[in-house]
C-alpha cells in the first residue's frame, strides 16, 4: 500500500494497492515515483481494507439505455434492495473528465446507497459486475464499467477508483432498436431484484454477458463455455431436480450392493463411485427443463426442442471429450446456430431473474431485430431443428 499525491493540476491525494515501483525521479525539490498497481483511489488516503457505504457506477452505453422513452426527465425514482440498500439513477450534466468519459453532456450514474461497509473487491462482486452483466444482456452488447466512485459516508467526498476492470466509454451510442430491454421497460425495481439474485446465480452471468460481444475465443471454446454454463445455471435454478426419485435411488443402490460383494475391490469401488450421483438429471434433461423455462419468454429459441436437445448434447460431448478432430468448415454454420440458440436461451433465462413476466419479455424478443435475424438464419443453418414450430 502506497499513499501520496498524484502529479498534475490540481494535485490530488492518491492511495494505491498492491503496487510496485517501476521508475523513480528525484531532484532538488521533488521526489516522484511511477508505480504499477492493482488499483488506485484518487481523492484521499484510505487504508488497505477501506470500507465504503456508497457507490456510483458508470457503464458503457448506460446513457442511451437509461434515456426515458421520448426523452424528458428521469422517471425512475428510487428502488430498495431486500438488505435495505437503495438504488437510483443520477444524471450529471457537468463536463466529464477524460477518466469519466472524455465528453461534454449528460452522464448517467447508477447510485447505490445505505450499503453495509464493503471493500472495493466486495463492491465489485456484489454490484459492479452484476450490473454490468445485466446491462450487457439488456442492451445486447458489451457494457463494462467505465467509471467507479466510492465514499465512506453521505457527508464524505467521492473518491475515484481506477483498476484494470475499467474500459473506455462508448464511441457511438447504442441505437434503441438494437436494445433488447431498455431501462424504461425494465425499471429500477427489477434491477434491485436482479441484485438480490446475484448470490444464487454465482459467477455464471458474466460468461453469458460476454458472449453478447461474440468474442473471447474460438467457436469451439465459446460452445464449450456456453454448454458448461447451461449445466451450471440449471443446477442453481433447479437444485431439487432429479432423474430418479428417492425411492428409485435407494432401490438402485440396494440392488447394486447385493450384486457386487464378490467382485474385486477396485471394481466395487469403481461401481460405487459411478452410482454417487445417480439421482442427478442428465445433461439432456437439464436442457429440456431450461427450454421449458423460456418457452413462452423467448419464442422459437430451441426450434423443435427434442431435436435441439439431441444436437446440443452431441456438440457438448464432442467438445468436452474431443471425440472428433479439427473443426470442419462445412459444420461452421450449424455450430454457429447452436451457439446463438444457447446464447439467446441463457439470456432469456437470466432476464427472467429480474422478475419480468414471460409475456412481456416475449414481446421484446419478437420485435428485437438481432433475435429475429437469428431465427431467420437458424432456419438456413440448421433446418432440421428450426424449419418448423417448436414441439
Protein backbone atom coordinates (compact mmCIF):
# COMPACT_ATOMS: atom_id res chain seq x y z
CA UNK A 1 0.00 0.00 0.00
CA UNK A 2 1.37 3.43 -1.03
CA UNK A 3 -0.09 6.82 -0.21
CA UNK A 4 0.94 10.11 -1.75
CA UNK A 5 -0.14 12.70 -4.27
CA UNK A 6 -0.77 12.34 -7.99
CA UNK A 7 1.09 14.71 -10.27
CA UNK A 8 -0.89 17.15 -12.38
CA UNK A 9 -3.12 20.09 -11.75
CA UNK A 10 -4.80 20.17 -9.37
CA UNK A 11 -2.70 17.92 -7.15
CA UNK A 12 -4.81 15.10 -5.69
CA UNK A 13 -4.28 12.68 -2.83
CA UNK A 14 -3.85 9.09 -4.03
CA UNK A 15 -3.77 5.62 -2.48
CA UNK A 16 -2.51 2.65 -4.49
CA UNK A 17 -2.91 -1.01 -3.54
CA UNK A 18 -0.52 -3.88 -4.27
CA UNK A 19 1.86 -1.52 -6.04
CA UNK A 20 5.48 -1.79 -7.05
CA UNK A 21 7.80 0.90 -8.28
CA UNK A 22 8.74 0.96 -11.95
CA UNK A 23 10.55 4.31 -12.04
CA UNK A 24 11.77 6.94 -9.60
CA UNK A 25 12.93 10.51 -10.27
CA UNK A 26 14.50 12.76 -7.70
CA UNK A 27 15.54 16.36 -7.79
CA UNK A 28 16.43 19.24 -5.55
CA UNK A 29 12.82 19.93 -4.63
CA UNK A 30 10.88 16.82 -5.63
CA UNK A 31 10.73 13.05 -5.34
CA UNK A 32 8.48 11.48 -7.98
CA UNK A 33 7.57 7.79 -8.18
CA UNK A 34 5.90 5.88 -11.01
CA UNK A 35 4.04 2.82 -9.75
CA UNK A 36 2.19 -0.11 -11.23
CA UNK A 37 -0.70 -1.17 -9.01
CA UNK A 38 -3.74 -3.42 -8.82
CA UNK A 39 -5.96 -0.43 -8.07
CA UNK A 40 -5.76 3.23 -7.12
CA UNK A 41 -8.09 5.56 -5.23
CA UNK A 42 -7.90 9.25 -6.10
CA UNK A 43 -9.08 11.94 -3.71
CA UNK A 44 -7.95 10.63 -0.36
CA UNK A 45 -5.71 8.41 1.72
CA UNK A 46 -7.51 5.21 2.68
CA UNK A 47 -6.50 2.01 4.44
CA UNK A 48 -5.68 -1.24 2.67
CA UNK A 49 -9.07 -2.66 3.74
CA UNK A 50 -11.04 0.54 3.35
CA UNK A 51 -14.79 0.11 3.81
CA UNK A 52 -17.31 2.11 1.78
CA UNK A 53 -21.04 2.66 2.16
CA UNK A 54 -21.93 4.37 -1.14
CA UNK A 55 -21.12 3.57 -4.75
CA UNK A 56 -21.52 5.47 -8.03
CA UNK A 57 -21.12 3.50 -11.23
CA UNK A 58 -20.98 4.42 -14.91
CA UNK A 59 -21.31 1.68 -17.51
CA UNK A 60 -20.72 1.79 -21.24
CA UNK A 61 -23.99 2.64 -23.04
CA UNK A 62 -25.75 3.42 -19.76
CA UNK A 63 -26.85 6.86 -21.03
CA UNK A 64 -28.67 5.56 -24.12
CA UNK A 65 -30.03 2.51 -22.28
CA UNK A 66 -31.40 4.66 -19.43
CA UNK A 67 -32.77 7.55 -21.50
CA UNK A 68 -36.55 7.58 -20.95
CA UNK A 69 -38.76 6.84 -23.93
CA UNK A 70 -39.31 10.14 -25.68
CA UNK A 71 -36.62 11.85 -23.57
CA UNK A 72 -37.55 14.10 -20.70
CA UNK A 73 -36.71 13.94 -17.02
CA UNK A 74 -35.75 10.89 -15.00
CA UNK A 75 -38.94 8.84 -14.28
CA UNK A 76 -37.33 6.05 -12.30
CA UNK A 77 -37.35 7.23 -8.71
CA UNK A 78 -35.59 5.04 -6.17
CA UNK A 79 -35.64 1.29 -5.60
CA UNK A 80 -34.88 -0.62 -2.42
CA UNK A 81 -33.00 -3.89 -2.11
CA UNK A 82 -34.07 -6.52 0.45
CA UNK A 83 -31.00 -5.74 2.54
CA UNK A 84 -32.05 -2.11 2.92
CA UNK A 85 -29.73 -0.71 0.24
CA UNK A 86 -31.08 1.95 -2.12
CA UNK A 87 -30.65 2.19 -5.89
CA UNK A 88 -31.32 5.21 -8.08
CA UNK A 89 -30.19 6.80 -11.32
CA UNK A 90 -28.32 10.10 -11.32
CA UNK A 91 -27.66 12.40 -14.25
CA UNK A 92 -24.53 14.52 -14.19
CA UNK A 93 -24.69 17.42 -16.64
CA UNK A 94 -21.24 18.78 -15.86
CA UNK A 95 -18.32 18.41 -18.23
CA UNK A 96 -16.77 14.98 -17.88
CA UNK A 97 -13.06 14.48 -17.31
CA UNK A 98 -11.16 12.01 -19.52
CA UNK A 99 -11.32 9.45 -16.72
CA UNK A 100 -15.13 9.72 -16.72
CA UNK A 101 -15.68 9.52 -20.44
CA UNK A 102 -13.89 12.46 -22.01
CA UNK A 103 -17.08 14.15 -23.29
CA UNK A 104 -19.38 17.03 -22.52
CA UNK A 105 -23.04 16.40 -21.85
CA UNK A 106 -25.22 14.26 -19.63
CA UNK A 107 -23.63 11.29 -17.92
CA UNK A 108 -25.71 8.61 -16.19
CA UNK A 109 -24.62 7.05 -12.92
CA UNK A 110 -26.16 4.17 -11.03
CA UNK A 111 -26.02 5.16 -7.38
CA UNK A 112 -26.18 2.65 -4.54
CA UNK A 113 -26.54 3.97 -1.00
CA UNK A 114 -27.15 2.73 2.54
CA UNK A 115 -24.71 -0.13 1.97
CA UNK A 116 -23.18 -2.25 4.64
CA UNK A 117 -19.49 -1.25 4.80
CA UNK A 118 -17.72 -3.11 1.99
CA UNK A 119 -14.26 -3.28 0.47
CA UNK A 120 -13.66 -2.41 -3.17
CA UNK A 121 -13.47 -6.13 -4.01
CA UNK A 122 -16.79 -6.81 -2.31
CA UNK A 123 -18.45 -3.88 -4.08
CA UNK A 124 -17.21 -5.17 -7.43
CA UNK A 125 -18.51 -8.70 -6.83
CA UNK A 126 -21.80 -7.65 -5.29
CA UNK A 127 -22.79 -4.71 -7.51
CA UNK A 128 -20.40 -3.64 -10.27
CA UNK A 129 -20.02 -6.95 -12.13
CA UNK A 130 -23.71 -7.98 -11.79
CA UNK A 131 -24.96 -4.62 -13.06
CA UNK A 132 -22.50 -4.66 -15.97
CA UNK A 133 -23.69 -8.19 -16.83
CA UNK A 134 -27.37 -7.24 -16.74
CA UNK A 135 -26.86 -4.14 -18.87
CA UNK A 136 -24.87 -6.19 -21.41
CA UNK A 137 -27.74 -8.68 -21.69
CA UNK A 138 -30.44 -5.99 -21.85
CA UNK A 139 -28.62 -3.70 -24.30
CA UNK A 140 -27.30 -6.57 -26.41
CA UNK A 141 -23.66 -5.50 -26.33
CA UNK A 142 -20.67 -5.41 -24.01
CA UNK A 143 -21.24 -2.83 -21.25
CA UNK A 144 -18.25 -2.86 -18.89
CA UNK A 145 -17.74 -0.24 -16.15
CA UNK A 146 -16.11 2.98 -17.34
CA UNK A 147 -16.02 4.88 -14.03
CA UNK A 148 -16.42 3.98 -10.36
CA UNK A 149 -16.64 6.27 -7.34
CA UNK A 150 -17.00 5.36 -3.67
CA UNK A 151 -17.35 7.15 -0.37
CA UNK A 152 -17.36 6.23 3.29
CA UNK A 153 -20.47 8.24 4.17
CA UNK A 154 -23.10 10.65 2.93
CA UNK A 155 -21.13 13.67 4.15
CA UNK A 156 -17.77 12.43 2.84
CA UNK A 157 -16.30 13.31 -0.58
CA UNK A 158 -16.45 10.92 -3.50
CA UNK A 159 -13.24 9.02 -4.24
CA UNK A 160 -12.42 7.94 -7.80
CA UNK A 161 -11.38 4.31 -8.25
CA UNK A 162 -9.05 3.15 -11.03
CA UNK A 163 -8.42 -0.53 -11.73
CA UNK A 164 -7.90 -2.90 -14.64
CA UNK A 165 -11.60 -3.70 -14.96
CA UNK A 166 -12.44 -0.22 -16.26
CA UNK A 167 -12.82 0.16 -20.02
CA UNK A 168 -13.16 3.07 -22.41
CA UNK A 169 -16.63 4.59 -22.85
CA UNK A 170 -18.66 4.01 -26.00
CA UNK A 171 -17.52 5.79 -29.14
CA UNK A 172 -21.03 5.63 -30.61
CA UNK A 173 -24.34 5.40 -28.73
CA UNK A 174 -26.24 2.14 -28.78
CA UNK A 175 -29.28 2.56 -31.10
CA UNK A 176 -32.60 1.96 -29.40
CA UNK A 177 -33.68 -0.63 -31.99
CA UNK A 178 -30.70 -2.86 -31.05
CA UNK A 179 -31.53 -2.80 -27.35
CA UNK A 180 -33.49 -5.80 -26.15
CA UNK A 181 -34.81 -4.38 -22.89
CA UNK A 182 -34.24 -0.65 -22.20
CA UNK A 183 -34.45 0.66 -18.66
CA UNK A 184 -37.78 2.41 -19.12
CA UNK A 185 -39.31 -1.05 -19.70
CA UNK A 186 -37.25 -2.90 -17.12
CA UNK A 187 -37.32 -0.37 -14.27
CA UNK A 188 -35.10 0.07 -11.23
CA UNK A 189 -37.15 -2.30 -9.10
CA UNK A 190 -36.20 -5.15 -11.41
CA UNK A 191 -32.55 -4.12 -11.22
CA UNK A 192 -32.92 -4.45 -7.46
CA UNK A 193 -34.49 -7.90 -7.90
CA UNK A 194 -31.56 -8.88 -10.11
CA UNK A 195 -29.04 -7.79 -7.49
CA UNK A 196 -30.90 -9.86 -4.91
CA UNK A 197 -30.50 -12.94 -7.18
CA UNK A 198 -26.75 -12.49 -7.63
CA UNK A 199 -25.69 -14.84 -4.84
CA UNK A 200 -27.87 -17.59 -6.25
CA UNK A 201 -26.61 -17.13 -9.83
CA UNK A 202 -22.96 -17.02 -8.83
CA UNK A 203 -20.26 -16.29 -11.43
CA UNK A 204 -22.29 -17.51 -14.43
CA UNK A 205 -23.99 -14.30 -15.75
CA UNK A 206 -20.71 -12.57 -16.76
CA UNK A 207 -19.89 -15.50 -19.06
CA UNK A 208 -23.24 -15.21 -20.82
CA UNK A 209 -22.93 -11.42 -20.94
CA UNK A 210 -19.50 -11.69 -22.54
CA UNK A 211 -20.99 -13.90 -25.26
CA UNK A 212 -23.10 -10.94 -26.41
CA UNK A 213 -19.92 -9.46 -27.89
CA UNK A 214 -19.17 -12.78 -29.62
CA UNK A 215 -15.55 -12.54 -28.61
CA UNK A 216 -13.22 -14.34 -26.28
CA UNK A 217 -12.02 -17.48 -28.05
CA UNK A 218 -12.71 -19.80 -30.92
CA UNK A 219 -16.14 -21.13 -31.83
CA UNK A 220 -15.29 -24.41 -30.08
CA UNK A 221 -14.29 -22.55 -26.91
CA UNK A 222 -17.48 -20.49 -26.92
CA UNK A 223 -19.62 -23.60 -27.32
CA UNK A 224 -17.81 -25.37 -24.51
CA UNK A 225 -18.26 -22.33 -22.25
CA UNK A 226 -21.95 -21.94 -23.03
CA UNK A 227 -22.78 -25.62 -22.57
CA UNK A 228 -20.90 -25.61 -19.27
CA UNK A 229 -22.77 -22.50 -18.12
CA UNK A 230 -26.03 -24.13 -19.20
CA UNK A 231 -25.44 -27.05 -16.83
CA UNK A 232 -24.27 -24.77 -14.02
CA UNK A 233 -27.24 -22.43 -14.37
CA UNK A 234 -29.67 -25.33 -14.28
CA UNK A 235 -28.05 -26.62 -11.09
CA UNK A 236 -28.51 -23.23 -9.42
CA UNK A 237 -32.06 -22.57 -10.63
CA UNK A 238 -33.40 -26.11 -10.19
CA UNK A 239 -31.49 -27.55 -7.22
CA UNK A 240 -34.24 -30.05 -6.49
CA UNK A 241 -34.38 -31.54 -9.99
CA UNK A 242 -33.81 -35.30 -10.01
CA UNK A 243 -33.54 -38.10 -12.55
CA UNK A 244 -34.70 -40.71 -10.03
CA UNK A 245 -36.98 -40.36 -7.05
CA UNK A 246 -35.54 -41.03 -3.61
CA UNK A 247 -37.25 -44.42 -3.58
CA UNK A 248 -35.85 -45.35 -7.00
CA UNK A 249 -32.37 -44.21 -5.98
CA UNK A 250 -32.47 -46.29 -2.80
CA UNK A 251 -33.69 -49.36 -4.71
CA UNK A 252 -30.92 -49.00 -7.31
CA UNK A 253 -28.21 -48.68 -4.69
CA UNK A 254 -29.56 -51.68 -2.78
CA UNK A 255 -29.65 -53.83 -5.94
CA UNK A 256 -26.08 -52.92 -6.84
CA UNK A 257 -24.85 -53.53 -3.29
CA UNK A 258 -26.37 -57.01 -3.44
CA UNK A 259 -24.80 -57.76 -6.82
CA UNK A 260 -21.18 -56.70 -6.29
CA UNK A 261 -19.92 -58.11 -2.94
CA UNK A 262 -17.89 -60.87 -4.64
CA UNK A 263 -16.22 -58.60 -7.18
CA UNK A 264 -12.67 -57.30 -6.99
CA UNK A 265 -12.28 -54.36 -4.58
CA UNK A 266 -11.21 -52.00 -7.35
CA UNK A 267 -14.28 -52.93 -9.39
CA UNK A 268 -16.55 -52.45 -6.38
CA UNK A 269 -15.03 -49.01 -5.75
CA UNK A 270 -15.50 -48.04 -9.38
CA UNK A 271 -19.13 -49.17 -9.50
CA UNK A 272 -19.93 -47.47 -6.19
CA UNK A 273 -18.35 -44.25 -7.43
CA UNK A 274 -20.40 -44.39 -10.61
CA UNK A 275 -23.55 -44.50 -8.50
CA UNK A 276 -22.59 -41.48 -6.41
CA UNK A 277 -24.69 -39.05 -8.46
CA UNK A 278 -27.15 -41.47 -9.99
CA UNK A 279 -30.12 -39.34 -8.96
CA UNK A 280 -28.92 -36.20 -10.76
CA UNK A 281 -30.59 -35.25 -14.05
CA UNK A 282 -28.68 -35.89 -17.26
CA UNK A 283 -27.49 -33.04 -19.46
CA UNK A 284 -30.34 -33.62 -21.97
CA UNK A 285 -32.85 -33.44 -19.11
CA UNK A 286 -31.31 -30.16 -17.96
CA UNK A 287 -31.69 -28.77 -21.49
CA UNK A 288 -35.35 -29.74 -21.62
CA UNK A 289 -36.07 -28.11 -18.27
CA UNK A 290 -34.31 -24.86 -19.25
CA UNK A 291 -36.08 -24.85 -22.62
CA UNK A 292 -39.39 -25.14 -20.80
CA UNK A 293 -38.38 -22.25 -18.55
CA UNK A 294 -38.13 -19.86 -21.56
CA UNK A 295 -40.67 -21.50 -23.86
CA UNK A 296 -43.06 -18.54 -23.65
CA UNK A 297 -40.48 -15.82 -22.94
CA UNK A 298 -38.15 -16.48 -25.91
CA UNK A 299 -40.42 -17.89 -28.64
CA UNK A 300 -38.74 -20.31 -31.03
CA UNK A 301 -35.29 -20.26 -29.42
CA UNK A 302 -34.99 -24.07 -29.39
CA UNK A 303 -36.95 -24.76 -32.60
CA UNK A 304 -38.03 -28.39 -32.47
CA UNK A 305 -36.96 -28.84 -28.88
CA UNK A 306 -36.32 -32.60 -28.81
CA UNK A 307 -34.11 -32.40 -31.88
CA UNK A 308 -32.38 -29.30 -30.46
CA UNK A 309 -31.70 -31.14 -27.20
CA UNK A 310 -30.01 -34.02 -29.03
CA UNK A 311 -27.97 -31.67 -31.21
CA UNK A 312 -26.70 -29.55 -28.29
CA UNK A 313 -25.90 -32.68 -26.28
CA UNK A 314 -23.88 -34.13 -29.17
CA UNK A 315 -21.96 -30.85 -29.57
CA UNK A 316 -21.26 -30.63 -25.86
CA UNK A 317 -19.99 -34.20 -25.68
CA UNK A 318 -17.94 -33.75 -28.81
CA UNK A 319 -16.04 -30.74 -27.50
CA UNK A 320 -15.87 -31.89 -23.88
CA UNK A 321 -14.41 -35.28 -24.84
CA UNK A 322 -12.70 -34.24 -28.11
CA UNK A 323 -14.33 -37.14 -29.92
CA UNK A 324 -13.58 -35.55 -33.31
CA UNK A 325 -10.61 -33.92 -34.93
CA UNK A 326 -10.33 -30.35 -36.15
CA UNK A 327 -13.47 -28.36 -36.91
CA UNK A 328 -14.69 -28.88 -40.46
CA UNK A 329 -15.63 -25.80 -42.46
CA UNK A 330 -18.88 -27.45 -43.55
CA UNK A 331 -20.05 -27.58 -39.92
CA UNK A 332 -19.45 -23.94 -39.05
CA UNK A 333 -22.94 -22.72 -39.94
CA UNK A 334 -24.53 -25.48 -37.87
CA UNK A 335 -22.34 -24.79 -34.86
CA UNK A 336 -22.92 -21.04 -35.08
CA UNK A 337 -26.67 -21.73 -34.94
CA UNK A 338 -26.18 -23.91 -31.84
CA UNK A 339 -24.05 -21.23 -30.18
CA UNK A 340 -26.58 -18.50 -30.89
CA UNK A 341 -29.52 -20.59 -29.69
CA UNK A 342 -27.70 -21.22 -26.40
CA UNK A 343 -26.80 -17.56 -26.06
CA UNK A 344 -30.38 -16.40 -26.56
CA UNK A 345 -31.78 -19.14 -24.32
CA UNK A 346 -29.41 -18.24 -21.47
CA UNK A 347 -30.12 -14.54 -21.99
CA UNK A 348 -33.82 -15.23 -21.58
CA UNK A 349 -33.27 -17.41 -18.50
CA UNK A 350 -31.20 -14.69 -16.83
CA UNK A 351 -33.52 -11.81 -17.73
CA UNK A 352 -36.40 -13.71 -16.16
CA UNK A 353 -34.48 -13.50 -12.87
CA UNK A 354 -35.25 -9.76 -12.82
CA UNK A 355 -38.90 -10.61 -12.23
CA UNK A 356 -40.08 -9.56 -15.68
CA UNK A 357 -43.03 -11.58 -16.95
CA UNK A 358 -42.61 -14.11 -19.75
CA UNK A 359 -45.29 -12.44 -21.86
CA UNK A 360 -43.70 -9.01 -21.56
CA UNK A 361 -40.26 -10.41 -22.40
CA UNK A 362 -41.66 -12.32 -25.39
CA UNK A 363 -42.98 -9.07 -26.87
CA UNK A 364 -39.47 -7.63 -26.71
CA UNK A 365 -37.89 -10.69 -28.32
CA UNK A 366 -40.43 -10.78 -31.15
CA UNK A 367 -39.58 -7.16 -32.06
CA UNK A 368 -35.84 -7.38 -31.39
CA UNK A 369 -34.02 -7.21 -34.72
CA UNK A 370 -30.96 -9.29 -33.75
CA UNK A 371 -33.19 -12.07 -32.41
CA UNK A 372 -35.43 -12.02 -35.48
CA UNK A 373 -32.29 -12.27 -37.62
CA UNK A 374 -31.09 -15.25 -35.55
CA UNK A 375 -34.35 -17.13 -36.23
CA UNK A 376 -34.12 -16.44 -39.97
CA UNK A 377 -30.50 -17.54 -40.17
CA UNK A 378 -31.09 -20.60 -37.98
CA UNK A 379 -33.65 -21.92 -40.47
CA UNK A 380 -30.97 -21.86 -43.15
CA UNK A 381 -28.11 -23.09 -40.99
CA UNK A 382 -29.94 -25.81 -39.05
CA UNK A 383 -33.20 -26.54 -40.92
CA UNK A 384 -33.85 -29.91 -39.29
CA UNK A 385 -34.38 -28.07 -35.98
CA UNK A 386 -35.61 -24.61 -36.91
CA UNK A 387 -37.65 -25.17 -40.07
CA UNK A 388 -40.83 -25.90 -38.12
CA UNK A 389 -42.55 -24.50 -34.99
CA UNK A 390 -41.40 -25.74 -31.60
CA UNK A 391 -42.54 -29.16 -30.42
